[in-house]
Amino acid sequence: MSGAKELGVPLIREALEKTRQGGGARTVYSNICDLKKGLVHVYNLVDFGNAVVLDLAEELKKGQRRLALPSLFGPKAED
């Protein structure tokens, strides 16, 4: 990372992918918060090729609510 020209989502995603836990104590969700753009990129298990991107401004407009993360990824989210 020290040699990176730019600190951004692709670089952080690569770091998350390389440092995830497997086995019995596996990483279930990984996220990247882009505070400048107000976006949260959420990844499920080892699938770093498919992110659910949440726009914080849009989510806050919906008011207080609870959201189950697995529902964002469809029926295979628990595999």
C-alpha atoms as a PDB file:
ATOM      1  CA  MET A   1       0.000   0.000   0.000  1.00  0.00           C
ATOM      2  CA  SER A   2       2.907   2.337   0.661  1.00  0.00           C
ATOM      3  CA  GLY A   3       3.683   2.396  -3.048  1.00  0.00           C
ATOM      4  CA  ALA A   4       0.136   3.257  -4.085  1.00  0.00           C
ATOM      5  CA  LYS A   5      -0.367   6.443  -6.059  1.00  0.00           C
ATOM      6  CA  GLU A   6      -3.945   6.842  -4.892  1.00  0.00           C
ATOM      7  CA  LEU A   7      -5.878   5.648  -1.874  1.00  0.00           C
ATOM      8  CA  GLY A   8      -9.268   4.549  -3.169  1.00  0.00           C
ATOM      9  CA  VAL A   9     -11.876   1.812  -3.193  1.00  0.00           C
ATOM     10  CA  PRO A  10      -9.929  -0.579  -5.492  1.00  0.00           C
ATOM     11  CA  LEU A  11      -6.846  -0.505  -3.262  1.00  0.00           C
ATOM     12  CA  ILE A  12      -8.821  -0.963  -0.043  1.00  0.00           C
ATOM     13  CA  ARG A  13     -10.890  -3.756  -1.623  1.00  0.00           C
ATOM     14  CA  GLU A  14      -7.658  -5.546  -2.529  1.00  0.00           C
ATOM     15  CA  ALA A  15      -6.389  -5.188   1.050  1.00  0.00           C
ATOM     16  CA  LEU A  16      -9.677  -6.537   2.431  1.00  0.00           C
ATOM     17  CA  GLU A  17      -9.558  -9.493   0.060  1.00  0.00           C
ATOM     18  CA  LYS A  18      -5.990 -10.356   1.056  1.00  0.00           C
ATOM     19  CA  THR A  19      -6.640 -10.076   4.801  1.00  0.00           C
ATOM     20  CA  ARG A  20     -10.018 -11.794   5.094  1.00  0.00           C
ATOM     21  CA  GLN A  21     -10.389 -14.699   7.509  1.00  0.00           C
ATOM     22  CA  GLY A  22     -11.397 -18.147   6.351  1.00  0.00           C
ATOM     23  CA  GLY A  23     -12.479 -21.294   8.149  1.00  0.00           C
ATOM     24  CA  GLY A  24     -14.537 -21.298  11.329  1.00  0.00           C
ATOM     25  CA  ALA A  25     -13.848 -17.641  12.120  1.00  0.00           C
ATOM     26  CA  ARG A  26     -14.431 -16.414   8.593  1.00  0.00           C
ATOM     27  CA  THR A  27     -15.059 -12.846   7.561  1.00  0.00           C
ATOM     28  CA  VAL A  28     -18.741 -12.553   6.731  1.00  0.00           C
ATOM     29  CA  TYR A  29     -19.037  -8.908   5.650  1.00  0.00           C
ATOM     30  CA  SER A  30     -16.394  -6.408   4.641  1.00  0.00           C
ATOM     31  CA  ASN A  31     -17.082  -2.757   3.985  1.00  0.00           C
ATOM     32  CA  ILE A  32     -15.393   0.333   2.649  1.00  0.00           C
ATOM     33  CA  CYS A  33     -16.685   3.741   3.696  1.00  0.00           C
ATOM     34  CA  ASP A  34     -16.016   6.500   1.182  1.00  0.00           C
ATOM     35  CA  LEU A  35     -16.649   9.496   3.392  1.00  0.00           C
ATOM     36  CA  LYS A  36     -16.043  12.078   0.661  1.00  0.00           C
ATOM     37  CA  LYS A  37     -18.714  10.575  -1.607  1.00  0.00           C
ATOM     38  CA  GLY A  38     -20.984   9.333   1.186  1.00  0.00           C
ATOM     39  CA  LEU A  39     -20.937   5.754  -0.072  1.00  0.00           C
ATOM     40  CA  VAL A  40     -20.546   2.438   1.731  1.00  0.00           C
ATOM     41  CA  HIS A  41     -19.402  -0.563  -0.308  1.00  0.00           C
ATOM     42  CA  VAL A  42     -20.439  -3.840   1.345  1.00  0.00           C
ATOM     43  CA  TYR A  43     -19.026  -7.238   0.347  1.00  0.00           C
ATOM     44  CA  ASN A  44     -20.374 -10.643   1.356  1.00  0.00           C
ATOM     45  CA  LEU A  45     -17.993 -13.463   2.296  1.00  0.00           C
ATOM     46  CA  VAL A  46     -15.247 -13.888  -0.326  1.00  0.00           C
ATOM     47  CA  ASP A  47     -17.146 -12.237  -3.201  1.00  0.00           C
ATOM     48  CA  PHE A  48     -15.148  -9.058  -3.661  1.00  0.00           C
ATOM     49  CA  GLY A  49     -16.287  -8.793  -7.280  1.00  0.00           C
ATOM     50  CA  ASN A  50     -19.841  -7.856  -6.281  1.00  0.00           C
ATOM     51  CA  ALA A  51     -20.492  -5.011  -3.902  1.00  0.00           C
ATOM     52  CA  VAL A  52     -23.722  -3.548  -2.645  1.00  0.00           C
ATOM     53  CA  VAL A  53     -23.146   0.203  -2.639  1.00  0.00           C
ATOM     54  CA  LEU A  54     -25.242   2.204  -0.222  1.00  0.00           C
ATOM     55  CA  ASP A  55     -25.613   5.962  -0.682  1.00  0.00           C
ATOM     56  CA  LEU A  56     -25.768   7.361   2.837  1.00  0.00           C
ATOM     57  CA  ALA A  57     -27.780  10.438   1.846  1.00  0.00           C
ATOM     58  CA  GLU A  58     -30.420   8.276   0.159  1.00  0.00           C
ATOM     59  CA  GLU A  59     -30.524   5.809   3.035  1.00  0.00           C
ATOM     60  CA  LEU A  60     -30.953   8.584   5.606  1.00  0.00           C
ATOM     61  CA  LYS A  61     -33.900   9.999   3.619  1.00  0.00           C
ATOM     62  CA  LYS A  62     -35.715   6.712   4.268  1.00  0.00           C
ATOM     63  CA  GLY A  63     -35.766   7.410   8.004  1.00  0.00           C
ATOM     64  CA  GLN A  64     -34.977   5.115  10.869  1.00  0.00           C
ATOM     65  CA  ARG A  65     -35.198   1.466   9.945  1.00  0.00           C
ATOM     66  CA  ARG A  66     -33.454  -1.856  10.310  1.00  0.00           C
ATOM     67  CA  LEU A  67     -31.965  -3.673   7.407  1.00  0.00           C
ATOM     68  CA  ALA A  68     -30.747  -7.261   7.418  1.00  0.00           C
ATOM     69  CA  LEU A  69     -27.484  -7.352   5.463  1.00  0.00           C
ATOM     70  CA  PRO A  70     -28.134 -10.828   3.998  1.00  0.00           C
ATOM     71  CA  SER A  71     -31.243  -9.447   2.284  1.00  0.00           C
ATOM     72  CA  LEU A  72     -29.020  -7.175   0.185  1.00  0.00           C
ATOM     73  CA  PHE A  73     -27.213 -10.132  -1.345  1.00  0.00           C
ATOM     74  CA  GLY A  74     -30.078 -12.473  -2.171  1.00  0.00           C
ATOM     75  CA  PRO A  75     -30.753 -16.069  -1.151  1.00  0.00           C
ATOM     76  CA  LYS A  76     -27.118 -17.262  -1.362  1.00  0.00           C
ATOM     77  CA  ALA A  77     -25.865 -14.718   1.208  1.00  0.00           C
ATOM     78  CA  GLU A  78     -25.492 -17.328   3.945  1.00  0.00           C
ATOM     79  CA  ASP A  79     -23.492 -19.871   1.900  1.00  0.00           C
END
